[in-house]
Amino acid sequence: MSACKRLLYIVKHRGIWPSIWRRNVTTWSPVGAAFNAKPHRRLELFEKNGLFGVPELSSPAGFEVTTKRALKDTRELVDKVCSSPPGAVTVETFDQLSDGLCKVADLADFVKVAHPDPSFREAAEKTCIEIGTVVEKLNTNVDLCRSLKNLLDNKEVLAQLDPETRKVAELFMFDFAISGIHLDEKLRKEAVKLHVKLLDLNNEFLMGSHLPNRIAKSAIPEHIHCHFATEGSFIQIGGLHAESSNDLVREVAYRIFLYPNSDLMECLEELLKCRNKLAKLVGYESYAHRALQGTMQSHQPLILNLFPYRTAIDFEMIKDMKTKLNPHNAELMPWDPPYFSGVLYNIEPSLYSPYFSLGSCMEGLNSLFTQLYGVSIMSEHPSAGEVWNDDVRKLAVVHETEGLLGYIYCDFFHRANKPHQDCHFTIRGGRQCQESGQYQLPLVVLMLSLPHPTKSAPTLLTPSMMENLFHEMGHAMHSMLGRTRYQHTTGTRCATDFAEVPSILMEYFATDYRVVNQFARHYQTGQPLPQSMVARLCESKKVCGAADTQLQIFYSALDQMYHGKPQNRSTTDILKDMQQKFYGLPYTPNTAWQLRFSHLIGYGAKYYSYLMSRAVASMVWKQCFVQDPLNRDMGERYRREMLAHGGGKEPMLMVEGMSRFFHVKIICSIDFVGRPALCSNSHSSLLATV
């Protein structure tokens, strides 16, 4: 896109920004101004549009309309694919069928957890169940499967397909296989029933895992009431308050937020039993064995085998710091490490936050993407009704020569009944539409839970908030730059243990001074963040990183135990055992952390993906960016070899594509002490930086 065209795009799509906080030395760029401006209520003077530009979704009733239309189109496409001769059109029709269902289901999946209006959430949840039921029936549809099998069995026709099309065909067949297509009719129906039941259980657990707990005000000391939300005579606790400097606040938050809920406990127990029953029914030893198919780790029978030893992580430095600050309560507890690891290197969040205004961080991301990929993020005014809350921002992602790549909706601020978790949602995947000849632009949502701006300051991020922002934006750019022909493999629709690589790689950029120096400016004075403060932040991560890796190993082992051979004991008993084996701090009685482990839904039996992806991201950083994190040639290579393929290429082939440039043969594993590792053919370890 020429400079003139870019200017015309900006003039066309941007309006006049409201007043922002002044700073004395520098000025905000348009994208920085958009995020440092106070949100304002939009005046809906004209006809209201629908959510994400879907006209029917201007009201909850629109979900029924879009669902009926999607199901009608589905029936027509099933008839078409079953009556057509095998060829490329078979895969294209399968993808069109998948796209039509996903565009409704994925949008509804987001709305049911994020929309502030209960009527929208309820309508979206109904759509999720209805579409999900149809998908599971299609995954056991013998005629539909036969049409794909005829293609894959026809060697002459198969040889004429390009590699991407063959890969997508194989992935669709894989979905049939793990859904029980090989079973007789009676058992196929049983598999569908289990899938549908799991849809309900997954939704119940996911929603419950984000709900706050409450306790009577009289049950906790009055002087800490101010740290929590109140509801009449109750205190509401919706998180761990891990960065609080008050020991009692952290302890109370931990004990109350993680206090067991009997209904949710029963839901989790039933969910795990149902998953195991489904896996056994379709021919797998356990749900974990089924889940690992098609991942980078699929060659391992059970990932738990990679964690045979207890890694000894030294908490002594953190404990010594706590002893100095609080000699009367020196025992190190599970709620202590996040705070005291920062104290070790004077990483007081309030010292860093003035340099990390939300606007400056968005400027930094824009600058980074421009230098690495030639991509700019440009703020747009959404139309009336397009977004679900007034403080949601819309970003257009524009490439300097390729033009508009897609849109990112930024739902960044805390609000009541919004999940307190940082997430990336694919609303619509990119694909080449054979029907129209146009490329369907991807739409994604990034959801954070940041504090609102105040009268005197914009939203200021702690270092961990800033790092999480970079992490989630890594997912978003994967969705934008993974411009595949088929939506079934677009962007983050890839192996779970590869999907976290782009996001974790962004964490390395977030703590490199050469990157941070480009955007970290004091929101009032414009002064840059001192290099010494960035150095302290990096040093603290080496201490905190070791403890965090140990924690991730514990979570991964717990996840595998939950999804392995049935234990005939409670999930809390399993947690106690795993914590004793894989973590250096004791279990706290009358807590049930597993009920807040929402990753059990989307990452069931695959939580190890964070460790595996960190190993790969570490290799990419060391080999490509550690010398120059803003190198355009390396950015383009990374996009070409890893981001561009989405899930259309085997993950290990993408990793090897990067490593070939450096003449390194990569084997992903977890080394003998349980740390993620990348090993060359000479067996030397390139350990992930922690």
Foldseek 3Di string as FASTA:
>chain_A
DDPVVVVVVQVVFADDADDFDDADPDDFDQLLSLQRGAFDDDDQPDDFAAAQRHRLRLDLVSLVVLLVVLVVVLVVLLVVLLPDAAALVNLQSVLVNVQSLLLSQLQLVVQLQAFPDNSNNVSSLVSNLVSQLVVLVCLQDQSSLVSLVNNVVPVVRVVPDDLLSNLSSVVSNLSSLLQQNVDDPVLSVVSSVLSSVLSVLLVVLLLQLQAWFKDFCVVDDVVCLVVFDDDVRITTARDQVLQDPDPVSNVVNQQRRQFDDVVSLVSLVVSLVSLQVSNVSSPHQWSLLSLLPQALCNVDNAQLVQAPAAFDADCPLLLVQQCVVPVPDSDDAPSRLVHSLCVSLVQNQVVQQLQAFPSLLLVLVQVLCCLAFQKGWHWGDDRRNHDSDSSKTKIFIAHPPPGTQAMEIEAAAADPSRGQDWDKGWSGAWAQNPVPRDIDHTYMYTYHHFYQADPNGGGTDGLVRSLSVQLRVLQVVLRRLQRDNGRCQGRLNARLLQSSQSSLLSSVLSLDCVSQQVRRARPHHRHHDDPSSSVSVVVSCLSSVVLVLLVLLLVLSLLSQSTHDDDPDRSVVSSQVSCVRRHDHHDDPSGHCVSSPSCCSVQRSNSCSVQQSLQLSQVLCVVQPVVPVSHRVSSVQLSVLPSHNRRSDRNLSSSVSSCVVVPFRWDWGQDPSRGTWTAGPVRDTPGRRD
